[in-house]
Full PDB file with SEQRES, HELIX, SHEET, SSBOND, CRYST1, ORIGX, SCALE, CONECT and MASTER records, all heavy atoms in Angstrom:
SEQRES   1 A   30  ASN TRP LEU ARG ILE GLY GLY ALA ALA LEU ALA SER SER          
SEQRES   2 A   30  ILE SER PHE PHE VAL VAL SER ASN PHE ALA VAL TRP ALA          
SEQRES   3 A   30  SER GLY SER MET                                              
HELIX    1 AA1 TRP A    2  SER A   27  1                                  26    
CRYST1    1.000    1.000    1.000  90.00  90.00  90.00 P 1           1          
ORIGX1      1.000000  0.000000  0.000000        0.00000                         
ORIGX2      0.000000  1.000000  0.000000        0.00000                         
ORIGX3      0.000000  0.000000  1.000000        0.00000                         
SCALE1      1.000000  0.000000  0.000000        0.00000                         
SCALE2      0.000000  1.000000  0.000000        0.00000                         
SCALE3      0.000000  0.000000  1.000000        0.00000                         
ATOM      1  N   ASN A   1     -17.448 -28.796  74.738  1.00  0.00           N  
ATOM      2  CA  ASN A   1     -18.126 -29.776  73.896  1.00  0.00           C  
ATOM      3  C   ASN A   1     -18.542 -30.919  74.813  1.00  0.00           C  
ATOM      4  O   ASN A   1     -18.176 -30.955  75.990  1.00  0.00           O  
ATOM      5  CB  ASN A   1     -17.234 -30.235  72.732  1.00  0.00           C  
ATOM      6  CG  ASN A   1     -15.952 -30.894  73.207  1.00  0.00           C  
ATOM      7  OD1 ASN A   1     -15.948 -31.707  74.129  1.00  0.00           O  
ATOM      8  ND2 ASN A   1     -14.831 -30.543  72.590  1.00  0.00           N  
ATOM      9  N   TRP A   2     -19.306 -31.852  74.288  1.00  0.00           N  
ATOM     10  CA  TRP A   2     -19.860 -32.895  75.139  1.00  0.00           C  
ATOM     11  C   TRP A   2     -18.784 -33.766  75.768  1.00  0.00           C  
ATOM     12  O   TRP A   2     -18.947 -34.223  76.896  1.00  0.00           O  
ATOM     13  CB  TRP A   2     -20.876 -33.731  74.370  1.00  0.00           C  
ATOM     14  CG  TRP A   2     -22.122 -32.949  74.168  1.00  0.00           C  
ATOM     15  CD1 TRP A   2     -22.557 -32.390  73.004  1.00  0.00           C  
ATOM     16  CD2 TRP A   2     -23.052 -32.542  75.172  1.00  0.00           C  
ATOM     17  NE1 TRP A   2     -23.716 -31.672  73.229  1.00  0.00           N  
ATOM     18  CE2 TRP A   2     -24.044 -31.757  74.558  1.00  0.00           C  
ATOM     19  CE3 TRP A   2     -23.150 -32.763  76.534  1.00  0.00           C  
ATOM     20  CZ2 TRP A   2     -25.110 -31.204  75.259  1.00  0.00           C  
ATOM     21  CZ3 TRP A   2     -24.210 -32.209  77.231  1.00  0.00           C  
ATOM     22  CH2 TRP A   2     -25.175 -31.443  76.588  1.00  0.00           C  
ATOM     23  N   LEU A   3     -17.692 -33.974  75.053  1.00  0.00           N  
ATOM     24  CA  LEU A   3     -16.617 -34.787  75.611  1.00  0.00           C  
ATOM     25  C   LEU A   3     -15.953 -34.085  76.797  1.00  0.00           C  
ATOM     26  O   LEU A   3     -15.721 -34.700  77.841  1.00  0.00           O  
ATOM     27  CB  LEU A   3     -15.582 -35.105  74.527  1.00  0.00           C  
ATOM     28  CG  LEU A   3     -14.453 -36.047  74.926  1.00  0.00           C  
ATOM     29  CD1 LEU A   3     -15.005 -37.391  75.390  1.00  0.00           C  
ATOM     30  CD2 LEU A   3     -13.496 -36.235  73.763  1.00  0.00           C  
ATOM     31  N   ARG A   4     -15.673 -32.805  76.650  1.00  0.00           N  
ATOM     32  CA  ARG A   4     -15.060 -32.045  77.747  1.00  0.00           C  
ATOM     33  C   ARG A   4     -16.006 -31.912  78.937  1.00  0.00           C  
ATOM     34  O   ARG A   4     -15.601 -32.014  80.086  1.00  0.00           O  
ATOM     35  CB  ARG A   4     -14.621 -30.668  77.260  1.00  0.00           C  
ATOM     36  CG  ARG A   4     -13.439 -30.733  76.310  1.00  0.00           C  
ATOM     37  CD  ARG A   4     -13.055 -29.361  75.882  1.00  0.00           C  
ATOM     38  NE  ARG A   4     -12.689 -28.630  77.099  1.00  0.00           N  
ATOM     39  CZ  ARG A   4     -11.726 -27.757  77.176  1.00  0.00           C  
ATOM     40  NH1 ARG A   4     -11.032 -27.465  76.128  1.00  0.00           N  
ATOM     41  NH2 ARG A   4     -11.461 -27.145  78.313  1.00  0.00           N  
ATOM     42  N   ILE A   5     -17.277 -31.673  78.660  1.00  0.00           N  
ATOM     43  CA  ILE A   5     -18.265 -31.537  79.738  1.00  0.00           C  
ATOM     44  C   ILE A   5     -18.416 -32.871  80.471  1.00  0.00           C  
ATOM     45  O   ILE A   5     -18.411 -32.920  81.708  1.00  0.00           O  
ATOM     46  CB  ILE A   5     -19.609 -31.039  79.186  1.00  0.00           C  
ATOM     47  CG1 ILE A   5     -19.458 -29.592  78.687  1.00  0.00           C  
ATOM     48  CG2 ILE A   5     -20.709 -31.144  80.236  1.00  0.00           C  
ATOM     49  CD1 ILE A   5     -20.621 -29.100  77.847  1.00  0.00           C  
ATOM     50  N   GLY A   6     -18.541 -33.951  79.726  1.00  0.00           N  
ATOM     51  CA  GLY A   6     -18.641 -35.279  80.348  1.00  0.00           C  
ATOM     52  C   GLY A   6     -17.389 -35.633  81.127  1.00  0.00           C  
ATOM     53  O   GLY A   6     -17.463 -36.221  82.211  1.00  0.00           O  
ATOM     54  N   GLY A   7     -16.218 -35.283  80.584  1.00  0.00           N  
ATOM     55  CA  GLY A   7     -14.963 -35.534  81.284  1.00  0.00           C  
ATOM     56  C   GLY A   7     -14.876 -34.751  82.581  1.00  0.00           C  
ATOM     57  O   GLY A   7     -14.394 -35.261  83.605  1.00  0.00           O  
ATOM     58  N   ALA A   8     -15.350 -33.505  82.553  1.00  0.00           N  
ATOM     59  CA  ALA A   8     -15.348 -32.683  83.771  1.00  0.00           C  
ATOM     60  C   ALA A   8     -16.297 -33.265  84.814  1.00  0.00           C  
ATOM     61  O   ALA A   8     -15.980 -33.288  86.008  1.00  0.00           O  
ATOM     62  CB  ALA A   8     -15.729 -31.243  83.439  1.00  0.00           C  
ATOM     63  N   ALA A   9     -17.454 -33.759  84.380  1.00  0.00           N  
ATOM     64  CA  ALA A   9     -18.396 -34.382  85.319  1.00  0.00           C  
ATOM     65  C   ALA A   9     -17.788 -35.649  85.918  1.00  0.00           C  
ATOM     66  O   ALA A   9     -17.894 -35.886  87.132  1.00  0.00           O  
ATOM     67  CB  ALA A   9     -19.716 -34.698  84.611  1.00  0.00           C  
ATOM     68  N   LEU A  10     -17.140 -36.446  85.085  1.00  0.00           N  
ATOM     69  CA  LEU A  10     -16.487 -37.662  85.573  1.00  0.00           C  
ATOM     70  C   LEU A  10     -15.367 -37.324  86.550  1.00  0.00           C  
ATOM     71  O   LEU A  10     -15.245 -37.940  87.615  1.00  0.00           O  
ATOM     72  CB  LEU A  10     -15.951 -38.479  84.391  1.00  0.00           C  
ATOM     73  CG  LEU A  10     -15.257 -39.797  84.733  1.00  0.00           C  
ATOM     74  CD1 LEU A  10     -16.210 -40.743  85.451  1.00  0.00           C  
ATOM     75  CD2 LEU A  10     -14.713 -40.434  83.457  1.00  0.00           C  
ATOM     76  N   ALA A  11     -14.556 -36.329  86.203  1.00  0.00           N  
ATOM     77  CA  ALA A  11     -13.474 -35.893  87.097  1.00  0.00           C  
ATOM     78  C   ALA A  11     -14.037 -35.382  88.421  1.00  0.00           C  
ATOM     79  O   ALA A  11     -13.444 -35.612  89.484  1.00  0.00           O  
ATOM     80  CB  ALA A  11     -12.632 -34.812  86.424  1.00  0.00           C  
ATOM     81  N   SER A  12     -15.180 -34.719  88.377  1.00  0.00           N  
ATOM     82  CA  SER A  12     -15.821 -34.230  89.603  1.00  0.00           C  
ATOM     83  C   SER A  12     -16.215 -35.398  90.507  1.00  0.00           C  
ATOM     84  O   SER A  12     -15.958 -35.370  91.709  1.00  0.00           O  
ATOM     85  CB  SER A  12     -17.063 -33.407  89.265  1.00  0.00           C  
ATOM     86  OG  SER A  12     -16.734 -32.283  88.505  1.00  0.00           O  
ATOM     87  N   SER A  13     -16.827 -36.413  89.916  1.00  0.00           N  
ATOM     88  CA  SER A  13     -17.263 -37.578  90.701  1.00  0.00           C  
ATOM     89  C   SER A  13     -16.080 -38.302  91.324  1.00  0.00           C  
ATOM     90  O   SER A  13     -16.085 -38.611  92.519  1.00  0.00           O  
ATOM     91  CB  SER A  13     -18.015 -38.563  89.803  1.00  0.00           C  
ATOM     92  OG  SER A  13     -19.153 -37.978  89.262  1.00  0.00           O  
ATOM     93  N   ILE A  14     -15.080 -38.571  90.507  1.00  0.00           N  
ATOM     94  CA  ILE A  14     -13.920 -39.317  90.996  1.00  0.00           C  
ATOM     95  C   ILE A  14     -13.176 -38.524  92.054  1.00  0.00           C  
ATOM     96  O   ILE A  14     -12.807 -39.066  93.104  1.00  0.00           O  
ATOM     97  CB  ILE A  14     -12.995 -39.699  89.824  1.00  0.00           C  
ATOM     98  CG1 ILE A  14     -13.693 -40.730  88.934  1.00  0.00           C  
ATOM     99  CG2 ILE A  14     -11.663 -40.245  90.336  1.00  0.00           C  
ATOM    100  CD1 ILE A  14     -12.992 -40.988  87.609  1.00  0.00           C  
ATOM    101  N   SER A  15     -12.962 -37.239  91.802  1.00  0.00           N  
ATOM    102  CA  SER A  15     -12.211 -36.433  92.770  1.00  0.00           C  
ATOM    103  C   SER A  15     -12.955 -36.312  94.089  1.00  0.00           C  
ATOM    104  O   SER A  15     -12.343 -36.368  95.157  1.00  0.00           O  
ATOM    105  CB  SER A  15     -11.881 -35.051  92.199  1.00  0.00           C  
ATOM    106  OG  SER A  15     -13.064 -34.310  91.926  1.00  0.00           O  
ATOM    107  N   PHE A  16     -14.287 -36.183  94.041  1.00  0.00           N  
ATOM    108  CA  PHE A  16     -15.038 -36.113  95.290  1.00  0.00           C  
ATOM    109  C   PHE A  16     -14.913 -37.420  96.065  1.00  0.00           C  
ATOM    110  O   PHE A  16     -14.708 -37.407  97.287  1.00  0.00           O  
ATOM    111  CB  PHE A  16     -16.510 -35.783  95.047  1.00  0.00           C  
ATOM    112  CG  PHE A  16     -17.279 -35.612  96.326  1.00  0.00           C  
ATOM    113  CD1 PHE A  16     -17.163 -34.435  97.057  1.00  0.00           C  
ATOM    114  CD2 PHE A  16     -18.083 -36.614  96.824  1.00  0.00           C  
ATOM    115  CE1 PHE A  16     -17.835 -34.270  98.271  1.00  0.00           C  
ATOM    116  CE2 PHE A  16     -18.765 -36.466  98.024  1.00  0.00           C  
ATOM    117  CZ  PHE A  16     -18.645 -35.289  98.743  1.00  0.00           C  
ATOM    118  N   PHE A  17     -15.023 -38.536  95.379  1.00  0.00           N  
ATOM    119  CA  PHE A  17     -14.890 -39.837  96.032  1.00  0.00           C  
ATOM    120  C   PHE A  17     -13.529 -39.967  96.700  1.00  0.00           C  
ATOM    121  O   PHE A  17     -13.428 -40.346  97.867  1.00  0.00           O  
ATOM    122  CB  PHE A  17     -15.090 -40.955  94.998  1.00  0.00           C  
ATOM    123  CG  PHE A  17     -14.855 -42.330  95.545  1.00  0.00           C  
ATOM    124  CD1 PHE A  17     -15.791 -42.945  96.348  1.00  0.00           C  
ATOM    125  CD2 PHE A  17     -13.682 -43.013  95.257  1.00  0.00           C  
ATOM    126  CE1 PHE A  17     -15.575 -44.222  96.852  1.00  0.00           C  
ATOM    127  CE2 PHE A  17     -13.453 -44.289  95.753  1.00  0.00           C  
ATOM    128  CZ  PHE A  17     -14.405 -44.892  96.561  1.00  0.00           C  
ATOM    129  N   VAL A  18     -12.474 -39.612  95.972  1.00  0.00           N  
ATOM    130  CA  VAL A  18     -11.110 -39.772  96.492  1.00  0.00           C  
ATOM    131  C   VAL A  18     -10.866 -38.853  97.684  1.00  0.00           C  
ATOM    132  O   VAL A  18     -10.431 -39.301  98.750  1.00  0.00           O  
ATOM    133  CB  VAL A  18     -10.068 -39.532  95.377  1.00  0.00           C  
ATOM    134  CG1 VAL A  18      -8.670 -39.454  95.945  1.00  0.00           C  
ATOM    135  CG2 VAL A  18     -10.162 -40.638  94.322  1.00  0.00           C  
ATOM    136  N   VAL A  19     -11.157 -37.563  97.538  1.00  0.00           N  
ATOM    137  CA  VAL A  19     -10.805 -36.629  98.614  1.00  0.00           C  
ATOM    138  C   VAL A  19     -11.732 -36.737  99.818  1.00  0.00           C  
ATOM    139  O   VAL A  19     -11.279 -36.649 100.956  1.00  0.00           O  
ATOM    140  CB  VAL A  19     -10.705 -35.161  98.128  1.00  0.00           C  
ATOM    141  CG1 VAL A  19      -9.680 -35.009  97.040  1.00  0.00           C  
ATOM    142  CG2 VAL A  19     -12.032 -34.599  97.691  1.00  0.00           C  
ATOM    143  N   SER A  20     -13.021 -36.956  99.586  1.00  0.00           N  
ATOM    144  CA  SER A  20     -13.931 -37.009 100.738  1.00  0.00           C  
ATOM    145  C   SER A  20     -13.722 -38.282 101.553  1.00  0.00           C  
ATOM    146  O   SER A  20     -13.748 -38.233 102.790  1.00  0.00           O  
ATOM    147  CB  SER A  20     -15.385 -36.878 100.291  1.00  0.00           C  
ATOM    148  OG  SER A  20     -15.780 -37.975  99.499  1.00  0.00           O  
ATOM    149  N   ASN A  21     -13.496 -39.402 100.902  1.00  0.00           N  
ATOM    150  CA  ASN A  21     -13.244 -40.635 101.651  1.00  0.00           C  
ATOM    151  C   ASN A  21     -11.895 -40.589 102.362  1.00  0.00           C  
ATOM    152  O   ASN A  21     -11.767 -41.082 103.485  1.00  0.00           O  
ATOM    153  CB  ASN A  21     -13.358 -41.860 100.741  1.00  0.00           C  
ATOM    154  CG  ASN A  21     -14.799 -42.235 100.524  1.00  0.00           C  
ATOM    155  OD1 ASN A  21     -15.450 -42.774 101.404  1.00  0.00           O  
ATOM    156  ND2 ASN A  21     -15.310 -41.907  99.357  1.00  0.00           N  
ATOM    157  N   PHE A  22     -10.909 -39.990 101.724  1.00  0.00           N  
ATOM    158  CA  PHE A  22      -9.623 -39.840 102.397  1.00  0.00           C  
ATOM    159  C   PHE A  22      -9.782 -38.978 103.646  1.00  0.00           C  
ATOM    160  O   PHE A  22      -9.235 -39.296 104.708  1.00  0.00           O  
ATOM    161  CB  PHE A  22      -8.572 -39.229 101.461  1.00  0.00           C  
ATOM    162  CG  PHE A  22      -7.222 -39.117 102.100  1.00  0.00           C  
ATOM    163  CD1 PHE A  22      -6.352 -40.195 102.099  1.00  0.00           C  
ATOM    164  CD2 PHE A  22      -6.822 -37.950 102.733  1.00  0.00           C  
ATOM    165  CE1 PHE A  22      -5.111 -40.117 102.713  1.00  0.00           C  
ATOM    166  CE2 PHE A  22      -5.593 -37.851 103.350  1.00  0.00           C  
ATOM    167  CZ  PHE A  22      -4.730 -38.937 103.335  1.00  0.00           C  
ATOM    168  N   ALA A  23     -10.544 -37.890 103.522  1.00  0.00           N  
ATOM    169  CA  ALA A  23     -10.751 -37.002 104.671  1.00  0.00           C  
ATOM    170  C   ALA A  23     -11.501 -37.710 105.789  1.00  0.00           C  
ATOM    171  O   ALA A  23     -11.180 -37.525 106.970  1.00  0.00           O  
ATOM    172  CB  ALA A  23     -11.490 -35.746 104.235  1.00  0.00           C  
ATOM    173  N   VAL A  24     -12.491 -38.525 105.443  1.00  0.00           N  
ATOM    174  CA  VAL A  24     -13.218 -39.291 106.467  1.00  0.00           C  
ATOM    175  C   VAL A  24     -12.256 -40.234 107.183  1.00  0.00           C  
ATOM    176  O   VAL A  24     -12.259 -40.342 108.412  1.00  0.00           O  
ATOM    177  CB  VAL A  24     -14.398 -40.073 105.833  1.00  0.00           C  
ATOM    178  CG1 VAL A  24     -14.925 -41.144 106.775  1.00  0.00           C  
ATOM    179  CG2 VAL A  24     -15.493 -39.108 105.435  1.00  0.00           C  
ATOM    180  N   TRP A  25     -11.434 -40.926 106.428  1.00  0.00           N  
ATOM    181  CA  TRP A  25     -10.463 -41.856 107.010  1.00  0.00           C  
ATOM    182  C   TRP A  25      -9.459 -41.108 107.907  1.00  0.00           C  
ATOM    183  O   TRP A  25      -9.183 -41.520 109.027  1.00  0.00           O  
ATOM    184  CB  TRP A  25      -9.721 -42.597 105.895  1.00  0.00           C  
ATOM    185  CG  TRP A  25      -8.562 -43.397 106.358  1.00  0.00           C  
ATOM    186  CD1 TRP A  25      -8.594 -44.615 106.970  1.00  0.00           C  
ATOM    187  CD2 TRP A  25      -7.182 -43.042 106.242  1.00  0.00           C  
ATOM    188  NE1 TRP A  25      -7.312 -45.037 107.253  1.00  0.00           N  
ATOM    189  CE2 TRP A  25      -6.435 -44.083 106.802  1.00  0.00           C  
ATOM    190  CE3 TRP A  25      -6.514 -41.941 105.700  1.00  0.00           C  
ATOM    191  CZ2 TRP A  25      -5.040 -44.052 106.853  1.00  0.00           C  
ATOM    192  CZ3 TRP A  25      -5.131 -41.913 105.747  1.00  0.00           C  
ATOM    193  CH2 TRP A  25      -4.407 -42.958 106.318  1.00  0.00           C  
ATOM    194  N   ALA A  26      -8.946 -39.982 107.408  1.00  0.00           N  
ATOM    195  CA  ALA A  26      -7.903 -39.253 108.133  1.00  0.00           C  
ATOM    196  C   ALA A  26      -8.432 -38.535 109.375  1.00  0.00           C  
ATOM    197  O   ALA A  26      -7.714 -38.403 110.360  1.00  0.00           O  
ATOM    198  CB  ALA A  26      -7.226 -38.241 107.198  1.00  0.00           C  
ATOM    199  N   SER A  27      -9.684 -38.090 109.324  1.00  0.00           N  
ATOM    200  CA  SER A  27     -10.187 -37.265 110.434  1.00  0.00           C  
ATOM    201  C   SER A  27     -10.970 -38.051 111.476  1.00  0.00           C  
ATOM    202  O   SER A  27     -11.148 -37.577 112.589  1.00  0.00           O  
ATOM    203  CB  SER A  27     -11.087 -36.155 109.891  1.00  0.00           C  
ATOM    204  OG  SER A  27     -12.298 -36.696 109.402  1.00  0.00           O  
ATOM    205  N   GLY A  28     -11.462 -39.197 111.113  1.00  0.00           N  
ATOM    206  CA  GLY A  28     -12.354 -39.907 112.019  1.00  0.00           C  
ATOM    207  C   GLY A  28     -11.703 -41.079 112.723  1.00  0.00           C  
ATOM    208  O   GLY A  28     -10.504 -41.338 112.594  1.00  0.00           O  
ATOM    209  N   SER A  29     -12.527 -41.782 113.454  1.00  0.00           N  
ATOM    210  CA  SER A  29     -12.051 -42.957 114.183  1.00  0.00           C  
ATOM    211  C   SER A  29     -12.742 -44.236 113.715  1.00  0.00           C  
ATOM    212  O   SER A  29     -12.595 -45.287 114.330  1.00  0.00           O  
ATOM    213  CB  SER A  29     -12.271 -42.756 115.682  1.00  0.00           C  
ATOM    214  OG  SER A  29     -13.644 -42.551 115.941  1.00  0.00           O  
ATOM    215  N   MET A  30     -13.498 -44.143 112.618  1.00  0.00           N  
ATOM    216  CA  MET A  30     -14.209 -45.315 112.105  1.00  0.00           C  
ATOM    217  C   MET A  30     -13.275 -46.363 111.527  1.00  0.00           C  
ATOM    218  O   MET A  30     -13.574 -47.550 111.575  1.00  0.00           O  
ATOM    219  CB  MET A  30     -15.195 -44.891 111.008  1.00  0.00           C  
ATOM    220  CG  MET A  30     -16.550 -44.519 111.515  1.00  0.00           C  
ATOM    221  SD  MET A  30     -17.599 -43.854 110.202  1.00  0.00           S  
ATOM    222  CE  MET A  30     -18.006 -45.299 109.271  1.00  0.00           C  
TER     223      MET A  30                                                      
MASTER        0    0    0    1    0    0    0    6  222    1    0    3          
END                                                                             
């Protein structure tokens, strides 16, 4: 339903932000 679909899209955005930025911090020297 629209609530579940919207929630999944929101979870996708937040999870990508959290894991990708953590990986950049952990793997790089910036």
